[in-house]
PDB file of N, CA and C in Angstrom:
ATOM      1  N   MET A   1     -19.957   6.932   3.260  1.00  0.00           N
ATOM      2  CA  MET A   1     -20.194   5.251   3.774  1.00  0.00           C
ATOM      3  C   MET A   1     -19.526   5.553   5.232  1.00  0.00           C
ATOM      4  N   PRO A   2     -20.633   4.832   6.181  1.00  0.00           N
ATOM      5  CA  PRO A   2     -20.399   4.810   7.520  1.00  0.00           C
ATOM      6  C   PRO A   2     -19.568   4.262   8.394  1.00  0.00           C
ATOM      7  N   TYR A   3     -18.437   3.132   7.961  1.00  0.00           N
ATOM      8  CA  TYR A   3     -18.155   2.687   8.284  1.00  0.00           C
ATOM      9  C   TYR A   3     -16.646   2.694   7.634  1.00  0.00           C
ATOM     10  N   GLU A   4     -15.520   2.904   8.312  1.00  0.00           N
ATOM     11  CA  GLU A   4     -14.137   2.489   7.642  1.00  0.00           C
ATOM     12  C   GLU A   4     -13.258   2.247   8.696  1.00  0.00           C
ATOM     13  N   ILE A   5     -12.381   1.145   8.109  1.00  0.00           N
ATOM     14  CA  ILE A   5     -11.506   0.321   9.384  1.00  0.00           C
ATOM     15  C   ILE A   5     -10.773   0.435   8.535  1.00  0.00           C
ATOM     16  N   SER A   6      -8.928   0.134   9.213  1.00  0.00           N
ATOM     17  CA  SER A   6      -7.710  -0.034   8.123  1.00  0.00           C
ATOM     18  C   SER A   6      -6.998  -1.208   9.365  1.00  0.00           C
ATOM     19  N   THR A   7      -6.055  -1.242   8.793  1.00  0.00           N
ATOM     20  CA  THR A   7      -5.066  -2.690   8.884  1.00  0.00           C
ATOM     21  C   THR A   7      -3.626  -2.134   8.099  1.00  0.00           C
ATOM     22  N   GLU A   8      -2.415  -2.493   9.151  1.00  0.00           N
ATOM     23  CA  GLU A   8      -0.909  -1.784   8.400  1.00  0.00           C
ATOM     24  C   GLU A   8      -0.414  -3.653   8.310  1.00  0.00           C
ATOM     25  N   VAL A   9       0.846  -3.400   7.602  1.00  0.00           N
ATOM     26  CA  VAL A   9       1.759  -4.576   7.505  1.00  0.00           C
ATOM     27  C   VAL A   9       3.288  -3.684   7.340  1.00  0.00           C
ATOM     28  N   ILE A  10       3.991  -4.175   7.593  1.00  0.00           N
ATOM     29  CA  ILE A  10       5.460  -3.964   7.348  1.00  0.00           C
ATOM     30  C   ILE A  10       6.107  -4.964   6.312  1.00  0.00           C
ATOM     31  N   PHE A  11       6.442  -4.217   5.281  1.00  0.00           N
ATOM     32  CA  PHE A  11       7.578  -4.939   4.345  1.00  0.00           C
ATOM     33  C   PHE A  11       9.241  -4.359   4.478  1.00  0.00           C
ATOM     34  N   SER A  12      10.031  -4.885   3.466  1.00  0.00           N
ATOM     35  CA  SER A  12      11.128  -4.490   3.400  1.00  0.00           C
ATOM     36  C   SER A  12      11.410  -4.140   1.836  1.00  0.00           C
ATOM     37  N   ALA A  13      11.882  -3.179   1.482  1.00  0.00           N
ATOM     38  CA  ALA A  13      12.491  -3.203   0.203  1.00  0.00           C
ATOM     39  C   ALA A  13      13.114  -2.223   0.073  1.00  0.00           C
ATOM     40  N   ALA A  14      14.073  -2.176  -1.030  1.00  0.00           N
ATOM     41  CA  ALA A  14      15.006  -1.187  -1.574  1.00  0.00           C
ATOM     42  C   ALA A  14      14.761  -0.639  -3.026  1.00  0.00           C
ATOM     43  N   HIS A  15      15.160   0.699  -2.847  1.00  0.00           N
ATOM     44  CA  HIS A  15      14.883   1.511  -4.004  1.00  0.00           C
ATOM     45  C   HIS A  15      15.459   2.391  -4.273  1.00  0.00           C
ATOM     46  N   TYR A  16      15.727   3.218  -5.575  1.00  0.00           N
ATOM     47  CA  TYR A  16      16.516   4.485  -6.057  1.00  0.00           C
ATOM     48  C   TYR A  16      15.662   5.504  -6.515  1.00  0.00           C
ATOM     49  N   LEU A  17      15.979   6.765  -6.637  1.00  0.00           N
ATOM     50  CA  LEU A  17      14.837   7.629  -7.376  1.00  0.00           C
ATOM     51  C   LEU A  17      15.977   8.161  -8.442  1.00  0.00           C
ATOM     52  N   LYS A  18      15.717   7.467  -9.744  1.00  0.00           N
ATOM     53  CA  LYS A  18      16.301   8.431 -11.051  1.00  0.00           C
ATOM     54  C   LYS A  18      16.304   9.701 -11.155  1.00  0.00           C
ATOM     55  N   ASP A  19      17.573  10.575 -11.714  1.00  0.00           N
ATOM     56  CA  ASP A  19      17.370  12.052 -11.635  1.00  0.00           C
ATOM     57  C   ASP A  19      17.283  13.010 -10.490  1.00  0.00           C
ATOM     58  N   TYR A  20      17.313  11.863  -9.275  1.00  0.00           N
ATOM     59  CA  TYR A  20      17.001  12.530  -7.801  1.00  0.00           C
ATOM     60  C   TYR A  20      18.348  13.404  -7.686  1.00  0.00           C
ATOM     61  N   PRO A  21      18.587  14.563  -7.179  1.00  0.00           N
ATOM     62  CA  PRO A  21      19.516  15.217  -6.954  1.00  0.00           C
ATOM     63  C   PRO A  21      19.859  15.316  -5.582  1.00  0.00           C
ATOM     64  N   GLY A  22      20.098  14.140  -5.194  1.00  0.00           N
ATOM     65  CA  GLY A  22      20.296  14.024  -3.856  1.00  0.00           C
ATOM     66  C   GLY A  22      21.002  12.931  -2.762  1.00  0.00           C
ATOM     67  N   ASP A  23      20.861  12.130  -2.079  1.00  0.00           N
ATOM     68  CA  ASP A  23      21.188  10.588  -1.357  1.00  0.00           C
ATOM     69  C   ASP A  23      20.455  10.030  -2.055  1.00  0.00           C
ATOM     70  N   CYS A  24      19.083  10.374  -2.581  1.00  0.00           N
ATOM     71  CA  CYS A  24      18.000   9.117  -2.407  1.00  0.00           C
ATOM     72  C   CYS A  24      18.574   8.514  -4.284  1.00  0.00           C
ATOM     73  N   ALA A  25      19.187   9.221  -4.926  1.00  0.00           N
ATOM     74  CA  ALA A  25      19.576   8.988  -6.491  1.00  0.00           C
ATOM     75  C   ALA A  25      20.037   7.483  -5.852  1.00  0.00           C
ATOM     76  N   ARG A  26      20.940   7.179  -4.780  1.00  0.00           N
ATOM     77  CA  ARG A  26      21.397   6.325  -4.353  1.00  0.00           C
ATOM     78  C   ARG A  26      20.354   4.553  -4.017  1.00  0.00           C
ATOM     79  N   LEU A  27      21.026   3.831  -4.496  1.00  0.00           N
ATOM     80  CA  LEU A  27      20.253   2.071  -3.952  1.00  0.00           C
ATOM     81  C   LEU A  27      20.708   2.297  -2.078  1.00  0.00           C
ATOM     82  N   HIS A  28      18.992   2.078  -1.958  1.00  0.00           N
ATOM     83  CA  HIS A  28      18.892   2.147  -0.234  1.00  0.00           C
ATOM     84  C   HIS A  28      17.733   1.654   0.289  1.00  0.00           C
ATOM     85  N   GLY A  29      17.668   1.298   1.357  1.00  0.00           N
ATOM     86  CA  GLY A  29      16.286   0.441   1.399  1.00  0.00           C
ATOM     87  C   GLY A  29      15.475   1.298   2.604  1.00  0.00           C
ATOM     88  N   HIS A  30      14.054   0.381   2.832  1.00  0.00           N
ATOM     89  CA  HIS A  30      13.500   1.246   3.678  1.00  0.00           C
ATOM     90  C   HIS A  30      12.626  -0.064   4.648  1.00  0.00           C
ATOM     91  N   ASN A  31      12.055  -0.201   5.638  1.00  0.00           N
ATOM     92  CA  ASN A  31      11.247  -1.064   6.446  1.00  0.00           C
ATOM     93  C   ASN A  31       9.791   0.118   6.073  1.00  0.00           C
ATOM     94  N   TRP A  32       9.026  -0.374   4.937  1.00  0.00           N
ATOM     95  CA  TRP A  32       7.663   0.351   4.266  1.00  0.00           C
ATOM     96  C   TRP A  32       6.719  -0.124   5.475  1.00  0.00           C
ATOM     97  N   ARG A  33       5.835   0.696   6.019  1.00  0.00           N
ATOM     98  CA  ARG A  33       4.684   0.525   6.966  1.00  0.00           C
ATOM     99  C   ARG A  33       3.914   0.904   5.751  1.00  0.00           C
ATOM    100  N   VAL A  34       2.905  -0.065   5.350  1.00  0.00           N
ATOM    101  CA  VAL A  34       1.107   0.389   4.477  1.00  0.00           C
ATOM    102  C   VAL A  34       0.284   0.329   5.267  1.00  0.00           C
ATOM    103  N   ARG A  35      -0.276   1.383   5.266  1.00  0.00           N
ATOM    104  CA  ARG A  35      -1.969   1.566   6.124  1.00  0.00           C
ATOM    105  C   ARG A  35      -2.934   1.708   5.045  1.00  0.00           C
ATOM    106  N   VAL A  36      -3.977   0.396   5.357  1.00  0.00           N
ATOM    107  CA  VAL A  36      -5.113   0.476   3.936  1.00  0.00           C
ATOM    108  C   VAL A  36      -6.216   1.046   4.635  1.00  0.00           C
ATOM    109  N   PHE A  37      -7.249   1.783   3.595  1.00  0.00           N
ATOM    110  CA  PHE A  37      -8.320   1.807   4.909  1.00  0.00           C
ATOM    111  C   PHE A  37      -9.032   1.691   3.608  1.00  0.00           C
ATOM    112  N   VAL A  38     -10.046   0.894   4.276  1.00  0.00           N
ATOM    113  CA  VAL A  38     -11.265   0.896   3.713  1.00  0.00           C
ATOM    114  C   VAL A  38     -12.852   0.942   4.002  1.00  0.00           C
ATOM    115  N   ARG A  39     -13.829   1.275   3.160  1.00  0.00           N
ATOM    116  CA  ARG A  39     -14.864   1.864   3.869  1.00  0.00           C
ATOM    117  C   ARG A  39     -16.521   0.715   3.322  1.00  0.00           C
ATOM    118  N   ALA A  40     -17.368   0.891   4.037  1.00  0.00           N
ATOM    119  CA  ALA A  40     -18.698  -0.386   3.957  1.00  0.00           C
ATOM    120  C   ALA A  40     -19.406   0.503   4.337  1.00  0.00           C
ATOM    121  N   ASP A  41     -21.032   0.630   3.546  1.00  0.00           N
ATOM    122  CA  ASP A  41     -21.934   1.048   4.206  1.00  0.00           C
ATOM    123  C   ASP A  41     -22.682   0.031   4.761  1.00  0.00           C
ATOM    124  N   GLN A  42     -22.301  -0.711   5.164  1.00  0.00           N
ATOM    125  CA  GLN A  42     -23.332  -1.669   6.031  1.00  0.00           C
ATOM    126  C   GLN A  42     -22.533  -2.717   6.766  1.00  0.00           C
ATOM    127  N   ARG A  43     -22.575  -3.180   7.892  1.00  0.00           N
ATOM    128  CA  ARG A  43     -22.028  -4.264   8.838  1.00  0.00           C
ATOM    129  C   ARG A  43     -22.469  -5.795   8.057  1.00  0.00           C
ATOM    130  N   ARG A  44     -21.480  -6.406   7.993  1.00  0.00           N
ATOM    131  CA  ARG A  44     -21.667  -7.779   7.312  1.00  0.00           C
ATOM    132  C   ARG A  44     -22.122  -8.666   8.184  1.00  0.00           C
ATOM    133  N   GLU A  45     -21.556  -9.714   8.172  1.00  0.00           N
ATOM    134  CA  GLU A  45     -21.654 -10.962   9.300  1.00  0.00           C
ATOM    135  C   GLU A  45     -20.819 -10.788  10.484  1.00  0.00           C
ATOM    136  N   LEU A  46     -21.518 -11.337  11.976  1.00  0.00           N
ATOM    137  CA  LEU A  46     -21.100 -11.181  12.905  1.00  0.00           C
ATOM    138  C   LEU A  46     -20.915  -9.378  13.401  1.00  0.00           C
ATOM    139  N   GLY A  47     -21.593  -8.883  12.349  1.00  0.00           N
ATOM    140  CA  GLY A  47     -21.666  -7.294  12.941  1.00  0.00           C
ATOM    141  C   GLY A  47     -20.317  -6.507  12.257  1.00  0.00           C
ATOM    142  N   LEU A  48     -19.691  -7.450  11.262  1.00  0.00           N
ATOM    143  CA  LEU A  48     -18.487  -6.499  10.992  1.00  0.00           C
ATOM    144  C   LEU A  48     -18.296  -5.506   9.472  1.00  0.00           C
ATOM    145  N   ALA A  49     -17.766  -4.686   9.261  1.00  0.00           N
ATOM    146  CA  ALA A  49     -17.918  -4.222   7.866  1.00  0.00           C
ATOM    147  C   ALA A  49     -16.985  -4.843   7.307  1.00  0.00           C
ATOM    148  N   LEU A  50     -16.016  -5.588   7.904  1.00  0.00           N
ATOM    149  CA  LEU A  50     -14.833  -6.136   7.158  1.00  0.00           C
ATOM    150  C   LEU A  50     -13.800  -6.959   8.035  1.00  0.00           C
ATOM    151  N   ASP A  51     -13.793  -7.948   7.739  1.00  0.00           N
ATOM    152  CA  ASP A  51     -12.983  -9.129   8.976  1.00  0.00           C
ATOM    153  C   ASP A  51     -11.717  -8.224   9.002  1.00  0.00           C
ATOM    154  N   PHE A  52     -10.883  -7.874   9.901  1.00  0.00           N
ATOM    155  CA  PHE A  52      -9.169  -7.245  10.045  1.00  0.00           C
ATOM    156  C   PHE A  52      -8.901  -8.410   9.422  1.00  0.00           C
ATOM    157  N   ARG A  53      -8.468  -9.599   9.744  1.00  0.00           N
ATOM    158  CA  ARG A  53      -8.143 -10.599   9.360  1.00  0.00           C
ATOM    159  C   ARG A  53      -7.765 -10.823   7.896  1.00  0.00           C
ATOM    160  N   LYS A  54      -8.830 -10.763   7.300  1.00  0.00           N
ATOM    161  CA  LYS A  54      -9.368 -10.927   6.044  1.00  0.00           C
ATOM    162  C   LYS A  54      -8.261  -9.917   5.319  1.00  0.00           C
ATOM    163  N   LEU A  55      -9.099  -8.429   6.036  1.00  0.00           N
ATOM    164  CA  LEU A  55      -7.799  -7.286   4.841  1.00  0.00           C
ATOM    165  C   LEU A  55      -6.478  -7.498   5.439  1.00  0.00           C
ATOM    166  N   LYS A  56      -6.359  -7.856   6.247  1.00  0.00           N
ATOM    167  CA  LYS A  56      -4.521  -8.148   6.343  1.00  0.00           C
ATOM    168  C   LYS A  56      -4.136  -8.996   5.704  1.00  0.00           C
ATOM    169  N   ALA A  57      -4.646 -10.386   5.306  1.00  0.00           N
ATOM    170  CA  ALA A  57      -4.390 -11.285   4.451  1.00  0.00           C
ATOM    171  C   ALA A  57      -4.407 -10.503   2.992  1.00  0.00           C
ATOM    172  N   ILE A  58      -5.262 -10.245   2.852  1.00  0.00           N
ATOM    173  CA  ILE A  58      -5.526  -9.326   1.289  1.00  0.00           C
ATOM    174  C   ILE A  58      -3.938  -8.171   1.382  1.00  0.00           C
ATOM    175  N   LEU A  59      -3.871  -7.463   2.166  1.00  0.00           N
ATOM    176  CA  LEU A  59      -2.728  -6.358   1.866  1.00  0.00           C
ATOM    177  C   LEU A  59      -1.762  -6.933   1.834  1.00  0.00           C
ATOM    178  N   GLN A  60      -1.085  -8.745   3.139  1.00  0.00           N
ATOM    179  CA  GLN A  60       0.123  -9.250   2.747  1.00  0.00           C
ATOM    180  C   GLN A  60      -0.013 -10.111   1.616  1.00  0.00           C
ATOM    181  N   ASP A  61      -0.879 -10.398   1.002  1.00  0.00           N
ATOM    182  CA  ASP A  61      -0.483 -11.298  -0.237  1.00  0.00           C
ATOM    183  C   ASP A  61      -0.103 -10.111  -1.139  1.00  0.00           C
ATOM    184  N   VAL A  62      -0.817  -8.967  -1.369  1.00  0.00           N
ATOM    185  CA  VAL A  62      -0.049  -7.884  -2.341  1.00  0.00           C
ATOM    186  C   VAL A  62       1.204  -7.731  -2.074  1.00  0.00           C
ATOM    187  N   LEU A  63       1.449  -7.438  -0.939  1.00  0.00           N
ATOM    188  CA  LEU A  63       2.783  -7.210  -0.538  1.00  0.00           C
ATOM    189  C   LEU A  63       4.029  -8.019  -0.555  1.00  0.00           C
ATOM    190  N   LYS A  64       3.659  -9.140  -0.797  1.00  0.00           N
ATOM    191  CA  LYS A  64       4.541 -10.595  -0.755  1.00  0.00           C
ATOM    192  C   LYS A  64       5.493  -9.986  -2.177  1.00  0.00           C
ATOM    193  N   TYR A  65       4.802  -9.602  -3.554  1.00  0.00           N
ATOM    194  CA  TYR A  65       5.571  -9.319  -4.619  1.00  0.00           C
ATOM    195  C   TYR A  65       6.584  -8.110  -4.404  1.00  0.00           C
ATOM    196  N   LEU A  66       5.939  -7.194  -3.392  1.00  0.00           N
ATOM    197  CA  LEU A  66       7.039  -6.038  -3.493  1.00  0.00           C
ATOM    198  C   LEU A  66       8.551  -6.333  -2.224  1.00  0.00           C
ATOM    199  N   ASP A  67       8.199  -7.093  -1.359  1.00  0.00           N
ATOM    200  CA  ASP A  67       8.953  -7.598   0.187  1.00  0.00           C
ATOM    201  C   ASP A  67      10.063  -7.779  -0.498  1.00  0.00           C
ATOM    202  N   HIS A  68      11.391  -7.589   0.176  1.00  0.00           N
ATOM    203  CA  HIS A  68      12.784  -8.040  -0.106  1.00  0.00           C
ATOM    204  C   HIS A  68      12.854  -7.941  -1.622  1.00  0.00           C
ATOM    205  N   ARG A  69      12.795  -6.940  -2.359  1.00  0.00           N
ATOM    206  CA  ARG A  69      13.356  -6.990  -3.881  1.00  0.00           C
ATOM    207  C   ARG A  69      13.647  -5.228  -3.918  1.00  0.00           C
ATOM    208  N   VAL A  70      14.220  -5.263  -5.322  1.00  0.00           N
ATOM    209  CA  VAL A  70      14.941  -3.766  -5.700  1.00  0.00           C
ATOM    210  C   VAL A  70      13.839  -3.415  -6.070  1.00  0.00           C
ATOM    211  N   LEU A  71      13.162  -2.737  -5.848  1.00  0.00           N
ATOM    212  CA  LEU A  71      11.476  -2.214  -6.557  1.00  0.00           C
ATOM    213  C   LEU A  71      11.901  -1.744  -8.182  1.00  0.00           C
ATOM    214  N   ASN A  72      13.129  -1.115  -8.402  1.00  0.00           N
ATOM    215  CA  ASN A  72      13.200  -0.409  -9.921  1.00  0.00           C
ATOM    216  C   ASN A  72      13.180  -1.430 -10.771  1.00  0.00           C
ATOM    217  N   GLU A  73      13.718  -2.781 -10.169  1.00  0.00           N
ATOM    218  CA  GLU A  73      13.902  -3.946 -11.251  1.00  0.00           C
ATOM    219  C   GLU A  73      12.608  -4.596 -11.372  1.00  0.00           C
ATOM    220  N   LEU A  74      11.675  -4.045 -10.432  1.00  0.00           N
ATOM    221  CA  LEU A  74       9.866  -4.742 -11.222  1.00  0.00           C
ATOM    222  C   LEU A  74       9.487  -3.808 -12.219  1.00  0.00           C
ATOM    223  N   ASP A  75       8.778  -4.601 -12.971  1.00  0.00           N
ATOM    224  CA  ASP A  75       8.574  -3.892 -14.439  1.00  0.00           C
ATOM    225  C   ASP A  75       7.215  -2.985 -14.221  1.00  0.00           C
ATOM    226  N   GLU A  76       6.485  -3.024 -13.020  1.00  0.00           N
ATOM    227  CA  GLU A  76       6.113  -1.694 -12.893  1.00  0.00           C
ATOM    228  C   GLU A  76       6.363  -0.392 -12.188  1.00  0.00           C
ATOM    229  N   PHE A  77       7.832  -0.577 -11.994  1.00  0.00           N
ATOM    230  CA  PHE A  77       8.680   0.759 -11.962  1.00  0.00           C
ATOM    231  C   PHE A  77       9.948   1.041 -12.436  1.00  0.00           C
ATOM    232  N   ARG A  78      10.135   0.375 -14.128  1.00  0.00           N
ATOM    233  CA  ARG A  78      10.930   0.207 -14.580  1.00  0.00           C
ATOM    234  C   ARG A  78      11.390   1.625 -15.251  1.00  0.00           C
ATOM    235  N   THR A  79      10.006   2.391 -15.492  1.00  0.00           N
ATOM    236  CA  THR A  79      10.132   3.503 -15.846  1.00  0.00           C
ATOM    237  C   THR A  79       9.463   4.926 -15.337  1.00  0.00           C
ATOM    238  N   THR A  80       9.209   3.826 -14.082  1.00  0.00           N
ATOM    239  CA  THR A  80       8.282   5.247 -13.249  1.00  0.00           C
ATOM    240  C   THR A  80       9.313   5.000 -11.569  1.00  0.00           C
ATOM    241  N   ASN A  81       9.565   6.132 -10.990  1.00  0.00           N
ATOM    242  CA  ASN A  81      10.291   5.776 -10.055  1.00  0.00           C
ATOM    243  C   ASN A  81       9.445   5.415  -9.076  1.00  0.00           C
ATOM    244  N   PRO A  82       9.723   4.476  -7.662  1.00  0.00           N
ATOM    245  CA  PRO A  82       9.242   4.072  -6.912  1.00  0.00           C
ATOM    246  C   PRO A  82       9.058   4.718  -5.943  1.00  0.00           C
ATOM    247  N   THR A  83       8.839   5.928  -5.990  1.00  0.00           N
ATOM    248  CA  THR A  83       8.283   6.653  -4.531  1.00  0.00           C
ATOM    249  C   THR A  83       7.447   6.093  -3.854  1.00  0.00           C
ATOM    250  N   ALA A  84       7.232   6.807  -2.585  1.00  0.00           N
ATOM    251  CA  ALA A  84       6.144   6.327  -1.630  1.00  0.00           C
ATOM    252  C   ALA A  84       4.903   6.634  -2.336  1.00  0.00           C
ATOM    253  N   GLU A  85       4.719   7.478  -3.080  1.00  0.00           N
ATOM    254  CA  GLU A  85       3.713   7.895  -3.750  1.00  0.00           C
ATOM    255  C   GLU A  85       2.877   6.722  -4.862  1.00  0.00           C
ATOM    256  N   ALA A  86       3.742   6.530  -5.635  1.00  0.00           N
ATOM    257  CA  ALA A  86       3.684   5.593  -6.600  1.00  0.00           C
ATOM    258  C   ALA A  86       3.253   4.179  -6.010  1.00  0.00           C
ATOM    259  N   ILE A  87       3.994   3.644  -5.206  1.00  0.00           N
ATOM    260  CA  ILE A  87       3.923   2.700  -4.288  1.00  0.00           C
ATOM    261  C   ILE A  87       2.588   2.790  -3.655  1.00  0.00           C
ATOM    262  N   ALA A  88       1.886   3.980  -3.250  1.00  0.00           N
ATOM    263  CA  ALA A  88       0.605   3.506  -2.662  1.00  0.00           C
ATOM    264  C   ALA A  88      -0.111   3.657  -3.663  1.00  0.00           C
ATOM    265  N   GLU A  89      -0.307   3.977  -5.024  1.00  0.00           N
ATOM    266  CA  GLU A  89      -1.111   3.986  -6.263  1.00  0.00           C
ATOM    267  C   GLU A  89      -1.186   2.795  -6.578  1.00  0.00           C
ATOM    268  N   TRP A  90       0.020   1.745  -6.463  1.00  0.00           N
ATOM    269  CA  TRP A  90       0.150   0.399  -7.367  1.00  0.00           C
ATOM    270  C   TRP A  90      -0.768  -0.336  -6.170  1.00  0.00           C
ATOM    271  N   ILE A  91      -0.355  -0.167  -4.626  1.00  0.00           N
ATOM    272  CA  ILE A  91      -0.971  -0.687  -4.058  1.00  0.00           C
ATOM    273  C   ILE A  91      -2.350  -0.866  -3.825  1.00  0.00           C
ATOM    274  N   TYR A  92      -2.974   0.655  -3.767  1.00  0.00           N
ATOM    275  CA  TYR A  92      -4.398   0.690  -4.012  1.00  0.00           C
ATOM    276  C   TYR A  92      -5.291   0.008  -5.208  1.00  0.00           C
ATOM    277  N   ASN A  93      -4.910   0.220  -6.510  1.00  0.00           N
ATOM    278  CA  ASN A  93      -4.941  -0.526  -7.529  1.00  0.00           C
ATOM    279  C   ASN A  93      -5.113  -1.986  -7.316  1.00  0.00           C
ATOM    280  N   ARG A  94      -4.069  -2.772  -6.654  1.00  0.00           N
ATOM    281  CA  ARG A  94      -3.846  -4.206  -6.667  1.00  0.00           C
ATOM    282  C   ARG A  94      -5.521  -4.246  -5.577  1.00  0.00           C
ATOM    283  N   LEU A  95      -5.484  -3.557  -4.458  1.00  0.00           N
ATOM    284  CA  LEU A  95      -6.525  -4.204  -3.260  1.00  0.00           C
ATOM    285  C   LEU A  95      -7.576  -3.763  -4.017  1.00  0.00           C
ATOM    286  N   GLU A  96      -7.953  -2.853  -4.671  1.00  0.00           N
ATOM    287  CA  GLU A  96      -9.647  -2.355  -5.283  1.00  0.00           C
ATOM    288  C   GLU A  96     -10.040  -3.774  -5.933  1.00  0.00           C
ATOM    289  N   THR A  97      -9.063  -4.287  -6.412  1.00  0.00           N
ATOM    290  CA  THR A  97     -10.043  -5.396  -7.236  1.00  0.00           C
ATOM    291  C   THR A  97     -10.509  -7.083  -6.243  1.00  0.00           C
ATOM    292  N   ARG A  98      -9.391  -6.796  -4.962  1.00  0.00           N
ATOM    293  CA  ARG A  98      -9.714  -7.823  -4.537  1.00  0.00           C
ATOM    294  C   ARG A  98     -10.227  -7.772  -2.832  1.00  0.00           C
ATOM    295  N   VAL A  99     -10.970  -6.973  -2.891  1.00  0.00           N
ATOM    296  CA  VAL A  99     -11.816  -6.402  -1.405  1.00  0.00           C
ATOM    297  C   VAL A  99     -12.642  -7.083  -1.692  1.00  0.00           C
ATOM    298  N   GLY A 100     -14.131  -6.251  -2.452  1.00  0.00           N
ATOM    299  CA  GLY A 100     -15.355  -6.780  -2.864  1.00  0.00           C
ATOM    300  C   GLY A 100     -15.702  -6.784  -1.943  1.00  0.00           C
ATOM    301  N   GLY A 101     -17.596  -7.229  -2.175  1.00  0.00           N
ATOM    302  CA  GLY A 101     -18.288  -7.335  -1.424  1.00  0.00           C
ATOM    303  C   GLY A 101     -19.205  -5.982  -0.654  1.00  0.00           C
ATOM    304  N   GLY A 102     -19.024  -5.047  -1.211  1.00  0.00           N
ATOM    305  CA  GLY A 102     -19.628  -3.771  -0.976  1.00  0.00           C
ATOM    306  C   GLY A 102     -18.582  -3.107   0.085  1.00  0.00           C
ATOM    307  N   VAL A 103     -17.536  -3.490  -0.148  1.00  0.00           N
ATOM    308  CA  VAL A 103     -16.378  -2.886   0.495  1.00  0.00           C
ATOM    309  C   VAL A 103     -15.310  -2.333  -0.728  1.00  0.00           C
ATOM    310  N   THR A 104     -15.126  -0.871  -0.194  1.00  0.00           N
ATOM    311  CA  THR A 104     -14.085  -0.206  -1.221  1.00  0.00           C
ATOM    312  C   THR A 104     -12.845   0.224  -0.755  1.00  0.00           C
ATOM    313  N   VAL A 105     -11.847   0.124  -1.343  1.00  0.00           N
ATOM    314  CA  VAL A 105     -10.711   1.301  -0.584  1.00  0.00           C
ATOM    315  C   VAL A 105     -10.666   2.730  -0.836  1.00  0.00           C
ATOM    316  N   SER A 106     -10.545   3.139   0.174  1.00  0.00           N
ATOM    317  CA  SER A 106     -10.799   4.527   0.684  1.00  0.00           C
ATOM    318  C   SER A 106      -9.444   5.208   0.458  1.00  0.00           C
ATOM    319  N   LYS A 107      -8.315   4.631   0.977  1.00  0.00           N
ATOM    320  CA  LYS A 107      -7.081   5.382   0.799  1.00  0.00           C
ATOM    321  C   LYS A 107      -5.913   4.179   1.105  1.00  0.00           C
ATOM    322  N   VAL A 108      -4.502   4.472   0.808  1.00  0.00           N
ATOM    323  CA  VAL A 108      -3.523   3.775   1.384  1.00  0.00           C
ATOM    324  C   VAL A 108      -2.507   4.553   1.729  1.00  0.00           C
ATOM    325  N   GLU A 109      -1.663   4.434   2.861  1.00  0.00           N
ATOM    326  CA  GLU A 109      -0.642   5.063   3.572  1.00  0.00           C
ATOM    327  C   GLU A 109       0.522   4.353   3.157  1.00  0.00           C
ATOM    328  N   VAL A 110       1.273   4.939   2.606  1.00  0.00           N
ATOM    329  CA  VAL A 110       2.940   4.286   2.202  1.00  0.00           C
ATOM    330  C   VAL A 110       3.755   4.796   3.120  1.00  0.00           C
ATOM    331  N   TRP A 111       4.375   4.751   4.520  1.00  0.00           N
ATOM    332  CA  TRP A 111       5.616   5.355   5.192  1.00  0.00           C
ATOM    333  C   TRP A 111       6.801   4.390   5.024  1.00  0.00           C
ATOM    334  N   GLU A 112       7.805   5.538   4.399  1.00  0.00           N
ATOM    335  CA  GLU A 112       9.065   4.835   4.440  1.00  0.00           C
ATOM    336  C   GLU A 112       9.837   5.390   5.512  1.00  0.00           C
ATOM    337  N   SER A 113       9.667   6.077   6.517  1.00  0.00           N
ATOM    338  CA  SER A 113      10.304   6.200   7.670  1.00  0.00           C
ATOM    339  C   SER A 113       9.156   6.682   8.478  1.00  0.00           C
ATOM    340  N   PRO A 114       9.601   7.150   9.943  1.00  0.00           N
ATOM    341  CA  PRO A 114       8.338   7.272  10.970  1.00  0.00           C
ATOM    342  C   PRO A 114       7.879   8.496  10.614  1.00  0.00           C
ATOM    343  N   THR A 115       8.477   9.191   9.949  1.00  0.00           N
ATOM    344  CA  THR A 115       8.098  10.738  10.046  1.00  0.00           C
ATOM    345  C   THR A 115       7.524  11.514   8.515  1.00  0.00           C
ATOM    346  N   ASN A 116       7.990  10.153   7.717  1.00  0.00           N
ATOM    347  CA  ASN A 116       7.494  10.699   5.823  1.00  0.00           C
ATOM    348  C   ASN A 116       6.748   9.248   5.518  1.00  0.00           C
ATOM    349  N   CYS A 117       5.628  10.021   4.825  1.00  0.00           N
ATOM    350  CA  CYS A 117       4.277   9.452   4.679  1.00  0.00           C
ATOM    351  C   CYS A 117       3.883   9.968   2.997  1.00  0.00           C
ATOM    352  N   ALA A 118       3.311   8.901   2.236  1.00  0.00           N
ATOM    353  CA  ALA A 118       3.040   9.271   0.950  1.00  0.00           C
ATOM    354  C   ALA A 118       1.367   8.752   1.181  1.00  0.00           C
ATOM    355  N   THR A 119      -0.060   8.920   0.604  1.00  0.00           N
ATOM    356  CA  THR A 119      -1.275   8.677   0.690  1.00  0.00           C
ATOM    357  C   THR A 119      -1.663   8.823  -0.813  1.00  0.00           C
ATOM    358  N   PHE A 120      -2.029   7.657  -1.154  1.00  0.00           N
ATOM    359  CA  PHE A 120      -3.134   7.403  -2.445  1.00  0.00           C
ATOM    360  C   PHE A 120      -4.990   7.630  -2.081  1.00  0.00           C
ATOM    361  N   ILE A 121      -5.284   8.597  -2.444  1.00  0.00           N
ATOM    362  CA  ILE A 121      -6.724   8.379  -1.925  1.00  0.00           C
ATOM    363  C   ILE A 121      -7.785   8.359  -3.143  1.00  0.00           C
ATOM    364  N   GLY A 122      -8.567   7.225  -2.935  1.00  0.00           N
ATOM    365  CA  GLY A 122      -9.551   6.917  -3.820  1.00  0.00           C
ATOM    366  C   GLY A 122     -10.485   7.594  -4.363  1.00  0.00           C
ATOM    367  N   GLY A 123     -11.106   7.091  -5.672  1.00  0.00           N
ATOM    368  CA  GLY A 123     -12.118   7.963  -5.849  1.00  0.00           C
ATOM    369  C   GLY A 123     -12.338   8.642  -6.470  1.00  0.00           C
TER     370      GLY A 123
END
């Protein structure tokens, strides 16, 4: 696919990693930075692959479910540790069903700090 665009949104949430041998086993929070990449074969209306505002609105709508929550308390993460990897996959799966119109999600990056990131790559 010749076009790829991305946008970022930040949300705040707490989590802990069950059975982790270190500090992350205790409840702690992050300002998570999420960057989503989408691809399209062609430009559509106004010459855009997808309007950045539309993509950002979709991402914000998905993330409001996670924002200011203890992620371990959500049904999706009661039995799975809410790692950056698991969160990236969860976000990818929700975005994939929402973008439509010849646009596909190619990857989702989840940053839990300025230097630590996990990426879920679709396909």
